[in-house]
Every structure is written in C-alpha cells, then in structure tokens.
Amino acid sequence: MLLCLSGCGEPDIVGDPESGAEKAAICGQCHGQDGISFIPIYPNLAGQKQQYMELQLEAFRAGRRINAAMTPHAQNLSDQDIADLSAFYANLDPRGKQ
C-alpha cells in the first residue's frame, strides 16, 4: 500500500540543461560562464552533483542558508529554474573544458 501511495505524489521536476544554460547568465558573473569561478571566494559549479545543487538553491530560497550574494538571487527561482540550473551545471566539465 505504501509503495502505491509513494508513486501518487507530485511528479519530480526534470531539469533541462539547455534551459539552465539560458538562465545561468547572471550566475556566470560570479561562478564563471563555464562554471569555473575566476573569483577566489566563489565556488566552481561545473560538474557539481545535480541533487546537491538543488538542495543548496532550495535552502538559499527558503532562508535556511543565507549568503548576501546568493539569497536574493535564489528567492526569485522557481522549482523548475532550480532543476534547470542544477542540470546545466551538473553537465559541465569540472576541468573547464567544453
């Protein structure tokens, strides 16, 4: 019975890396256009695990994680935006190669 009910909830949102690329323009100002930050205090996002990124962006959006730069940006993201951005960065090469 529980197995049946677990499949009846809201469907998981699937991230679209191509949509994420379009949405990531502002992110690139700090995290680099290829997900490799050129500013030492900002983390690289290229190759980051998608679920981890989703959890972090959701935490910034909800105010569970606070950062002067990230919190205001994340508060404007929809669930689909978060999934798309996370899929985009997860698919980038962490070595910065295209």
PDB file of N, CA and C in Angstrom:
ATOM      1  N   MET A   1       0.818  -1.186   0.000  1.00  0.00           N
ATOM      2  CA  MET A   1       0.000   0.000   0.000  1.00  0.00           C
ATOM      3  C   MET A   1       0.869   1.261   0.000  1.00  0.00           C
ATOM      4  N   LEU A   2       1.886   1.304   0.846  1.00  0.00           N
ATOM      5  CA  LEU A   2       2.757   2.469   0.888  1.00  0.00           C
ATOM      6  C   LEU A   2       3.491   2.665  -0.424  1.00  0.00           C
ATOM      7  N   LEU A   3       3.907   1.574  -1.048  1.00  0.00           N
ATOM      8  CA  LEU A   3       4.597   1.669  -2.325  1.00  0.00           C
ATOM      9  C   LEU A   3       3.690   2.320  -3.358  1.00  0.00           C
ATOM     10  N   CYS A   4       2.445   1.950  -3.372  1.00  0.00           N
ATOM     11  CA  CYS A   4       1.472   2.533  -4.299  1.00  0.00           C
ATOM     12  C   CYS A   4       1.291   4.025  -4.020  1.00  0.00           C
ATOM     13  N   LEU A   5       1.186   4.403  -2.768  1.00  0.00           N
ATOM     14  CA  LEU A   5       0.971   5.796  -2.413  1.00  0.00           C
ATOM     15  C   LEU A   5       2.180   6.664  -2.715  1.00  0.00           C
ATOM     16  N   SER A   6       3.385   6.112  -2.611  1.00  0.00           N
ATOM     17  CA  SER A   6       4.578   6.911  -2.864  1.00  0.00           C
ATOM     18  C   SER A   6       4.644   7.349  -4.318  1.00  0.00           C
ATOM     19  N   GLY A   7       4.038   6.590  -5.225  1.00  0.00           N
ATOM     20  CA  GLY A   7       4.047   6.961  -6.622  1.00  0.00           C
ATOM     21  C   GLY A   7       2.925   7.906  -7.002  1.00  0.00           C
ATOM     22  N   CYS A   8       2.069   8.237  -6.061  1.00  0.00           N
ATOM     23  CA  CYS A   8       0.909   9.077  -6.353  1.00  0.00           C
ATOM     24  C   CYS A   8       1.154  10.550  -6.058  1.00  0.00           C
ATOM     25  N   GLY A   9       2.312  10.901  -5.548  1.00  0.00           N
ATOM     26  CA  GLY A   9       2.603  12.287  -5.209  1.00  0.00           C
ATOM     27  C   GLY A   9       2.898  13.107  -6.447  1.00  0.00           C
ATOM     28  N   GLU A  10       3.360  14.319  -6.209  1.00  0.00           N
ATOM     29  CA  GLU A  10       3.704  15.192  -7.320  1.00  0.00           C
ATOM     30  C   GLU A  10       4.854  14.579  -8.113  1.00  0.00           C
ATOM     31  N   PRO A  11       4.823  14.709  -9.440  1.00  0.00           N
ATOM     32  CA  PRO A  11       5.920  14.168 -10.236  1.00  0.00           C
ATOM     33  C   PRO A  11       7.190  14.980  -9.999  1.00  0.00           C
ATOM     34  N   ASP A  12       8.315  14.312 -10.069  1.00  0.00           N
ATOM     35  CA  ASP A  12       9.591  15.008  -9.934  1.00  0.00           C
ATOM     36  C   ASP A  12       9.767  15.962 -11.113  1.00  0.00           C
ATOM     37  N   ILE A  13      10.355  17.086 -10.843  1.00  0.00           N
ATOM     38  CA  ILE A  13      10.639  18.051 -11.896  1.00  0.00           C
ATOM     39  C   ILE A  13      11.947  17.631 -12.554  1.00  0.00           C
ATOM     40  N   VAL A  14      11.933  17.560 -13.851  1.00  0.00           N
ATOM     41  CA  VAL A  14      13.126  17.174 -14.598  1.00  0.00           C
ATOM     42  C   VAL A  14      13.808  18.438 -15.088  1.00  0.00           C
ATOM     43  N   GLY A  15      15.103  18.565 -14.765  1.00  0.00           N
ATOM     44  CA  GLY A  15      15.860  19.727 -15.189  1.00  0.00           C
ATOM     45  C   GLY A  15      16.278  19.623 -16.640  1.00  0.00           C
ATOM     46  N   ASP A  16      16.229  20.744 -17.339  1.00  0.00           N
ATOM     47  CA  ASP A  16      16.640  20.834 -18.733  1.00  0.00           C
ATOM     48  C   ASP A  16      17.929  21.646 -18.812  1.00  0.00           C
ATOM     49  N   PRO A  17      19.057  20.992 -19.128  1.00  0.00           N
ATOM     50  CA  PRO A  17      20.334  21.704 -19.174  1.00  0.00           C
ATOM     51  C   PRO A  17      20.354  22.877 -20.155  1.00  0.00           C
ATOM     52  N   GLU A  18      19.647  22.744 -21.272  1.00  0.00           N
ATOM     53  CA  GLU A  18      19.627  23.836 -22.257  1.00  0.00           C
ATOM     54  C   GLU A  18      18.897  25.056 -21.701  1.00  0.00           C
ATOM     55  N   SER A  19      17.787  24.835 -21.029  1.00  0.00           N
ATOM     56  CA  SER A  19      17.087  25.945 -20.374  1.00  0.00           C
ATOM     57  C   SER A  19      17.954  26.522 -19.265  1.00  0.00           C
ATOM     58  N   GLY A  20      18.636  25.639 -18.551  1.00  0.00           N
ATOM     59  CA  GLY A  20      19.526  26.081 -17.486  1.00  0.00           C
ATOM     60  C   GLY A  20      20.631  26.978 -18.002  1.00  0.00           C
ATOM     61  N   ALA A  21      21.146  26.667 -19.187  1.00  0.00           N
ATOM     62  CA  ALA A  21      22.209  27.487 -19.780  1.00  0.00           C
ATOM     63  C   ALA A  21      21.717  28.909 -20.017  1.00  0.00           C
ATOM     64  N   GLU A  22      20.485  29.035 -20.478  1.00  0.00           N
ATOM     65  CA  GLU A  22      19.911  30.364 -20.716  1.00  0.00           C
ATOM     66  C   GLU A  22      19.718  31.117 -19.399  1.00  0.00           C
ATOM     67  N   LYS A  23      19.317  30.404 -18.372  1.00  0.00           N
ATOM     68  CA  LYS A  23      19.032  31.026 -17.074  1.00  0.00           C
ATOM     69  C   LYS A  23      20.305  31.345 -16.292  1.00  0.00           C
ATOM     70  N   ALA A  24      21.425  30.749 -16.673  1.00  0.00           N
ATOM     71  CA  ALA A  24      22.662  30.862 -15.904  1.00  0.00           C
ATOM     72  C   ALA A  24      23.476  32.115 -16.207  1.00  0.00           C
ATOM     73  N   ALA A  25      23.006  32.966 -17.088  1.00  0.00           N
ATOM     74  CA  ALA A  25      23.791  34.147 -17.467  1.00  0.00           C
ATOM     75  C   ALA A  25      24.212  34.964 -16.247  1.00  0.00           C
ATOM     76  N   ILE A  26      23.290  35.238 -15.349  1.00  0.00           N
ATOM     77  CA  ILE A  26      23.625  36.040 -14.168  1.00  0.00           C
ATOM     78  C   ILE A  26      24.553  35.271 -13.224  1.00  0.00           C
ATOM     79  N   CYS A  27      24.410  33.945 -13.173  1.00  0.00           N
ATOM     80  CA  CYS A  27      25.262  33.117 -12.313  1.00  0.00           C
ATOM     81  C   CYS A  27      26.727  33.216 -12.742  1.00  0.00           C
ATOM     82  N   GLY A  28      26.922  33.326 -14.065  1.00  0.00           N
ATOM     83  CA  GLY A  28      28.272  33.367 -14.612  1.00  0.00           C
ATOM     84  C   GLY A  28      29.081  34.572 -14.179  1.00  0.00           C
ATOM     85  N   GLN A  29      28.408  35.612 -13.723  1.00  0.00           N
ATOM     86  CA  GLN A  29      29.140  36.793 -13.263  1.00  0.00           C
ATOM     87  C   GLN A  29      30.047  36.471 -12.079  1.00  0.00           C
ATOM     88  N   CYS A  30      29.640  35.540 -11.252  1.00  0.00           N
ATOM     89  CA  CYS A  30      30.451  35.146 -10.093  1.00  0.00           C
ATOM     90  C   CYS A  30      31.055  33.753 -10.253  1.00  0.00           C
ATOM     91  N   HIS A  31      30.281  32.847 -10.849  1.00  0.00           N
ATOM     92  CA  HIS A  31      30.698  31.444 -10.931  1.00  0.00           C
ATOM     93  C   HIS A  31      31.350  31.089 -12.260  1.00  0.00           C
ATOM     94  N   GLY A  32      31.511  32.074 -13.162  1.00  0.00           N
ATOM     95  CA  GLY A  32      32.126  31.853 -14.464  1.00  0.00           C
ATOM     96  C   GLY A  32      31.138  31.293 -15.472  1.00  0.00           C
ATOM     97  N   GLN A  33      31.249  31.710 -16.715  1.00  0.00           N
ATOM     98  CA  GLN A  33      30.332  31.263 -17.759  1.00  0.00           C
ATOM     99  C   GLN A  33      30.416  29.761 -18.000  1.00  0.00           C
ATOM    100  N   ASP A  34      31.579  29.178 -17.702  1.00  0.00           N
ATOM    101  CA  ASP A  34      31.750  27.731 -17.870  1.00  0.00           C
ATOM    102  C   ASP A  34      31.653  26.995 -16.535  1.00  0.00           C
ATOM    103  N   GLY A  35      31.180  27.712 -15.500  1.00  0.00           N
ATOM    104  CA  GLY A  35      31.036  27.105 -14.180  1.00  0.00           C
ATOM    105  C   GLY A  35      32.319  27.066 -13.375  1.00  0.00           C
ATOM    106  N   ILE A  36      33.377  27.663 -13.913  1.00  0.00           N
ATOM    107  CA  ILE A  36      34.659  27.746 -13.206  1.00  0.00           C
ATOM    108  C   ILE A  36      34.849  29.202 -12.795  1.00  0.00           C
ATOM    109  N   SER A  37      34.797  29.443 -11.503  1.00  0.00           N
ATOM    110  CA  SER A  37      34.868  30.803 -10.981  1.00  0.00           C
ATOM    111  C   SER A  37      36.273  31.381 -11.124  1.00  0.00           C
ATOM    112  N   PHE A  38      36.328  32.620 -11.546  1.00  0.00           N
ATOM    113  CA  PHE A  38      37.602  33.326 -11.611  1.00  0.00           C
ATOM    114  C   PHE A  38      37.802  34.194 -10.376  1.00  0.00           C
ATOM    115  N   ILE A  39      36.812  34.213  -9.476  1.00  0.00           N
ATOM    116  CA  ILE A  39      36.879  34.972  -8.227  1.00  0.00           C
ATOM    117  C   ILE A  39      37.066  33.963  -7.089  1.00  0.00           C
ATOM    118  N   PRO A  40      38.178  34.063  -6.361  1.00  0.00           N
ATOM    119  CA  PRO A  40      38.512  33.026  -5.366  1.00  0.00           C
ATOM    120  C   PRO A  40      37.451  32.724  -4.306  1.00  0.00           C
ATOM    121  N   ILE A  41      36.607  33.680  -3.952  1.00  0.00           N
ATOM    122  CA  ILE A  41      35.639  33.423  -2.876  1.00  0.00           C
ATOM    123  C   ILE A  41      34.376  32.723  -3.357  1.00  0.00           C
ATOM    124  N   TYR A  42      34.200  32.561  -4.674  1.00  0.00           N
ATOM    125  CA  TYR A  42      33.002  31.907  -5.211  1.00  0.00           C
ATOM    126  C   TYR A  42      33.344  30.510  -5.696  1.00  0.00           C
ATOM    127  N   PRO A  43      32.498  29.537  -5.392  1.00  0.00           N
ATOM    128  CA  PRO A  43      32.806  28.148  -5.765  1.00  0.00           C
ATOM    129  C   PRO A  43      32.594  27.863  -7.247  1.00  0.00           C
ATOM    130  N   ASN A  44      33.347  26.875  -7.726  1.00  0.00           N
ATOM    131  CA  ASN A  44      33.107  26.342  -9.060  1.00  0.00           C
ATOM    132  C   ASN A  44      31.823  25.522  -9.004  1.00  0.00           C
ATOM    133  N   LEU A  45      31.011  25.613 -10.048  1.00  0.00           N
ATOM    134  CA  LEU A  45      29.770  24.857 -10.109  1.00  0.00           C
ATOM    135  C   LEU A  45      29.809  23.764 -11.173  1.00  0.00           C
ATOM    136  N   ALA A  46      30.752  23.855 -12.086  1.00  0.00           N
ATOM    137  CA  ALA A  46      30.852  22.871 -13.170  1.00  0.00           C
ATOM    138  C   ALA A  46      31.070  21.478 -12.594  1.00  0.00           C
ATOM    139  N   GLY A  47      30.212  20.547 -13.010  1.00  0.00           N
ATOM    140  CA  GLY A  47      30.343  19.165 -12.574  1.00  0.00           C
ATOM    141  C   GLY A  47      29.790  18.888 -11.185  1.00  0.00           C
ATOM    142  N   GLN A  48      29.208  19.893 -10.552  1.00  0.00           N
ATOM    143  CA  GLN A  48      28.632  19.682  -9.226  1.00  0.00           C
ATOM    144  C   GLN A  48      27.444  18.719  -9.343  1.00  0.00           C
ATOM    145  N   LYS A  49      27.246  17.913  -8.358  1.00  0.00           N
ATOM    146  CA  LYS A  49      26.141  16.953  -8.395  1.00  0.00           C
ATOM    147  C   LYS A  49      24.808  17.694  -8.408  1.00  0.00           C
ATOM    148  N   GLN A  50      23.921  17.249  -9.287  1.00  0.00           N
ATOM    149  CA  GLN A  50      22.656  17.930  -9.500  1.00  0.00           C
ATOM    150  C   GLN A  50      21.800  17.992  -8.238  1.00  0.00           C
ATOM    151  N   GLN A  51      21.655  16.890  -7.543  1.00  0.00           N
ATOM    152  CA  GLN A  51      20.822  16.893  -6.327  1.00  0.00           C
ATOM    153  C   GLN A  51      21.389  17.833  -5.276  1.00  0.00           C
ATOM    154  N   TYR A  52      22.702  17.863  -5.144  1.00  0.00           N
ATOM    155  CA  TYR A  52      23.338  18.750  -4.168  1.00  0.00           C
ATOM    156  C   TYR A  52      23.024  20.211  -4.514  1.00  0.00           C
ATOM    157  N   MET A  53      23.169  20.562  -5.789  1.00  0.00           N
ATOM    158  CA  MET A  53      22.878  21.939  -6.206  1.00  0.00           C
ATOM    159  C   MET A  53      21.420  22.291  -5.936  1.00  0.00           C
ATOM    160  N   GLU A  54      20.513  21.365  -6.244  1.00  0.00           N
ATOM    161  CA  GLU A  54      19.099  21.628  -5.990  1.00  0.00           C
ATOM    162  C   GLU A  54      18.848  21.890  -4.512  1.00  0.00           C
ATOM    163  N   LEU A  55      19.433  21.069  -3.659  1.00  0.00           N
ATOM    164  CA  LEU A  55      19.242  21.250  -2.215  1.00  0.00           C
ATOM    165  C   LEU A  55      19.792  22.595  -1.737  1.00  0.00           C
ATOM    166  N   GLN A  56      20.951  22.985  -2.258  1.00  0.00           N
ATOM    167  CA  GLN A  56      21.547  24.252  -1.833  1.00  0.00           C
ATOM    168  C   GLN A  56      20.716  25.442  -2.304  1.00  0.00           C
ATOM    169  N   LEU A  57      20.282  25.407  -3.567  1.00  0.00           N
ATOM    170  CA  LEU A  57      19.465  26.516  -4.077  1.00  0.00           C
ATOM    171  C   LEU A  57      18.129  26.603  -3.343  1.00  0.00           C
ATOM    172  N   GLU A  58      17.548  25.452  -3.045  1.00  0.00           N
ATOM    173  CA  GLU A  58      16.300  25.449  -2.276  1.00  0.00           C
ATOM    174  C   GLU A  58      16.520  26.018  -0.874  1.00  0.00           C
ATOM    175  N   ALA A  59      17.658  25.701  -0.267  1.00  0.00           N
ATOM    176  CA  ALA A  59      17.970  26.218   1.070  1.00  0.00           C
ATOM    177  C   ALA A  59      18.178  27.735   1.037  1.00  0.00           C
ATOM    178  N   PHE A  60      18.853  28.243   0.008  1.00  0.00           N
ATOM    179  CA  PHE A  60      19.009  29.697  -0.131  1.00  0.00           C
ATOM    180  C   PHE A  60      17.642  30.350  -0.318  1.00  0.00           C
ATOM    181  N   ARG A  61      16.815  29.754  -1.158  1.00  0.00           N
ATOM    182  CA  ARG A  61      15.499  30.321  -1.447  1.00  0.00           C
ATOM    183  C   ARG A  61      14.628  30.362  -0.190  1.00  0.00           C
ATOM    184  N   ALA A  62      14.684  29.322   0.620  1.00  0.00           N
ATOM    185  CA  ALA A  62      13.851  29.226   1.817  1.00  0.00           C
ATOM    186  C   ALA A  62      14.421  29.991   3.013  1.00  0.00           C
ATOM    187  N   GLY A  63      15.650  30.468   2.901  1.00  0.00           N
ATOM    188  CA  GLY A  63      16.272  31.179   4.011  1.00  0.00           C
ATOM    189  C   GLY A  63      16.928  30.275   5.036  1.00  0.00           C
ATOM    190  N   ARG A  64      17.032  28.975   4.735  1.00  0.00           N
ATOM    191  CA  ARG A  64      17.732  28.048   5.638  1.00  0.00           C
ATOM    192  C   ARG A  64      19.241  28.188   5.496  1.00  0.00           C
ATOM    193  N   ARG A  65      19.675  28.702   4.368  1.00  0.00           N
ATOM    194  CA  ARG A  65      21.081  29.001   4.134  1.00  0.00           C
ATOM    195  C   ARG A  65      21.100  30.443   3.648  1.00  0.00           C
ATOM    196  N   ILE A  66      21.943  31.256   4.277  1.00  0.00           N
ATOM    197  CA  ILE A  66      21.932  32.684   3.955  1.00  0.00           C
ATOM    198  C   ILE A  66      23.309  33.130   3.489  1.00  0.00           C
ATOM    199  N   ASN A  67      23.300  33.861   2.391  1.00  0.00           N
ATOM    200  CA  ASN A  67      24.507  34.452   1.831  1.00  0.00           C
ATOM    201  C   ASN A  67      24.073  35.741   1.152  1.00  0.00           C
ATOM    202  N   ALA A  68      24.807  36.811   1.389  1.00  0.00           N
ATOM    203  CA  ALA A  68      24.412  38.122   0.861  1.00  0.00           C
ATOM    204  C   ALA A  68      24.280  38.129  -0.656  1.00  0.00           C
ATOM    205  N   ALA A  69      25.081  37.340  -1.348  1.00  0.00           N
ATOM    206  CA  ALA A  69      25.007  37.306  -2.809  1.00  0.00           C
ATOM    207  C   ALA A  69      23.959  36.315  -3.303  1.00  0.00           C
ATOM    208  N   MET A  70      23.894  35.152  -2.718  1.00  0.00           N
ATOM    209  CA  MET A  70      23.042  34.083  -3.239  1.00  0.00           C
ATOM    210  C   MET A  70      21.580  34.171  -2.823  1.00  0.00           C
ATOM    211  N   THR A  71      21.316  34.539  -1.599  1.00  0.00           N
ATOM    212  CA  THR A  71      19.935  34.523  -1.102  1.00  0.00           C
ATOM    213  C   THR A  71      18.994  35.362  -1.969  1.00  0.00           C
ATOM    214  N   PRO A  72      19.345  36.611  -2.306  1.00  0.00           N
ATOM    215  CA  PRO A  72      18.413  37.400  -3.130  1.00  0.00           C
ATOM    216  C   PRO A  72      18.158  36.781  -4.510  1.00  0.00           C
ATOM    217  N   HIS A  73      19.182  36.184  -5.115  1.00  0.00           N
ATOM    218  CA  HIS A  73      19.001  35.551  -6.430  1.00  0.00           C
ATOM    219  C   HIS A  73      18.111  34.317  -6.311  1.00  0.00           C
ATOM    220  N   ALA A  74      18.372  33.505  -5.322  1.00  0.00           N
ATOM    221  CA  ALA A  74      17.639  32.241  -5.174  1.00  0.00           C
ATOM    222  C   ALA A  74      16.170  32.469  -4.832  1.00  0.00           C
ATOM    223  N   GLN A  75      15.868  33.546  -4.148  1.00  0.00           N
ATOM    224  CA  GLN A  75      14.484  33.806  -3.764  1.00  0.00           C
ATOM    225  C   GLN A  75      13.574  34.016  -4.968  1.00  0.00           C
ATOM    226  N   ASN A  76      14.150  34.329  -6.111  1.00  0.00           N
ATOM    227  CA  ASN A  76      13.370  34.545  -7.327  1.00  0.00           C
ATOM    228  C   ASN A  76      13.266  33.308  -8.207  1.00  0.00           C
ATOM    229  N   LEU A  77      13.866  32.192  -7.782  1.00  0.00           N
ATOM    230  CA  LEU A  77      13.879  30.979  -8.605  1.00  0.00           C
ATOM    231  C   LEU A  77      12.665  30.100  -8.346  1.00  0.00           C
ATOM    232  N   SER A  78      12.095  29.578  -9.411  1.00  0.00           N
ATOM    233  CA  SER A  78      11.021  28.584  -9.292  1.00  0.00           C
ATOM    234  C   SER A  78      11.660  27.208  -9.122  1.00  0.00           C
ATOM    235  N   ASP A  79      10.842  26.217  -8.803  1.00  0.00           N
ATOM    236  CA  ASP A  79      11.354  24.845  -8.724  1.00  0.00           C
ATOM    237  C   ASP A  79      11.948  24.416 -10.063  1.00  0.00           C
ATOM    238  N   GLN A  80      11.301  24.821 -11.167  1.00  0.00           N
ATOM    239  CA  GLN A  80      11.808  24.461 -12.491  1.00  0.00           C
ATOM    240  C   GLN A  80      13.136  25.151 -12.764  1.00  0.00           C
ATOM    241  N   ASP A  81      13.273  26.424 -12.367  1.00  0.00           N
ATOM    242  CA  ASP A  81      14.539  27.138 -12.538  1.00  0.00           C
ATOM    243  C   ASP A  81      15.662  26.406 -11.816  1.00  0.00           C
ATOM    244  N   ILE A  82      15.390  26.001 -10.592  1.00  0.00           N
ATOM    245  CA  ILE A  82      16.399  25.296  -9.788  1.00  0.00           C
ATOM    246  C   ILE A  82      16.793  23.991 -10.457  1.00  0.00           C
ATOM    247  N   ALA A  83      15.826  23.242 -10.937  1.00  0.00           N
ATOM    248  CA  ALA A  83      16.125  21.970 -11.619  1.00  0.00           C
ATOM    249  C   ALA A  83      16.930  22.212 -12.887  1.00  0.00           C
ATOM    250  N   ASP A  84      16.567  23.233 -13.664  1.00  0.00           N
ATOM    251  CA  ASP A  84      17.271  23.531 -14.913  1.00  0.00           C
ATOM    252  C   ASP A  84      18.703  23.983 -14.664  1.00  0.00           C
ATOM    253  N   LEU A  85      18.888  24.900 -13.724  1.00  0.00           N
ATOM    254  CA  LEU A  85      20.241  25.375 -13.409  1.00  0.00           C
ATOM    255  C   LEU A  85      21.119  24.239 -12.891  1.00  0.00           C
ATOM    256  N   SER A  86      20.553  23.425 -12.037  1.00  0.00           N
ATOM    257  CA  SER A  86      21.315  22.305 -11.471  1.00  0.00           C
ATOM    258  C   SER A  86      21.701  21.302 -12.557  1.00  0.00           C
ATOM    259  N   ALA A  87      20.791  21.033 -13.480  1.00  0.00           N
ATOM    260  CA  ALA A  87      21.096  20.120 -14.588  1.00  0.00           C
ATOM    261  C   ALA A  87      22.179  20.706 -15.479  1.00  0.00           C
ATOM    262  N   PHE A  88      22.104  21.997 -15.743  1.00  0.00           N
ATOM    263  CA  PHE A  88      23.114  22.659 -16.571  1.00  0.00           C
ATOM    264  C   PHE A  88      24.507  22.526 -15.958  1.00  0.00           C
ATOM    265  N   TYR A  89      24.638  22.913 -14.700  1.00  0.00           N
ATOM    266  CA  TYR A  89      25.962  22.873 -14.068  1.00  0.00           C
ATOM    267  C   TYR A  89      26.461  21.446 -13.870  1.00  0.00           C
ATOM    268  N   ALA A  90      25.568  20.514 -13.604  1.00  0.00           N
ATOM    269  CA  ALA A  90      25.978  19.107 -13.441  1.00  0.00           C
ATOM    270  C   ALA A  90      26.563  18.549 -14.732  1.00  0.00           C
ATOM    271  N   ASN A  91      26.126  19.077 -15.868  1.00  0.00           N
ATOM    272  CA  ASN A  91      26.597  18.572 -17.156  1.00  0.00           C
ATOM    273  C   ASN A  91      27.854  19.272 -17.676  1.00  0.00           C
ATOM    274  N   LEU A  92      28.340  20.271 -16.969  1.00  0.00           N
ATOM    275  CA  LEU A  92      29.567  20.943 -17.390  1.00  0.00           C
ATOM    276  C   LEU A  92      30.793  20.184 -16.910  1.00  0.00           C
ATOM    277  N   ASP A  93      31.850  20.264 -17.692  1.00  0.00           N
ATOM    278  CA  ASP A  93      33.111  19.608 -17.342  1.00  0.00           C
ATOM    279  C   ASP A  93      33.776  20.375 -16.200  1.00  0.00           C
ATOM    280  N   PRO A  94      34.057  19.719 -15.075  1.00  0.00           N
ATOM    281  CA  PRO A  94      34.662  20.417 -13.934  1.00  0.00           C
ATOM    282  C   PRO A  94      36.094  20.909 -14.208  1.00  0.00           C
ATOM    283  N   ARG A  95      36.674  20.473 -15.321  1.00  0.00           N
ATOM    284  CA  ARG A  95      38.015  20.963 -15.677  1.00  0.00           C
ATOM    285  C   ARG A  95      37.925  22.223 -16.530  1.00  0.00           C
ATOM    286  N   GLY A  96      36.694  22.675 -16.830  1.00  0.00           N
ATOM    287  CA  GLY A  96      36.512  23.877 -17.612  1.00  0.00           C
ATOM    288  C   GLY A  96      36.648  23.674 -19.097  1.00  0.00           C
ATOM    289  N   LYS A  97      36.671  22.439 -19.541  1.00  0.00           N
ATOM    290  CA  LYS A  97      36.799  22.152 -20.975  1.00  0.00           C
ATOM    291  C   LYS A  97      35.409  22.007 -21.573  1.00  0.00           C
ATOM    292  N   GLN A  98      35.264  22.453 -22.799  1.00  0.00           N
ATOM    293  CA  GLN A  98      33.950  22.402 -23.471  1.00  0.00           C
ATOM    294  C   GLN A  98      33.580  21.002 -23.853  1.00  0.00           C
TER     295      GLN A  98
END
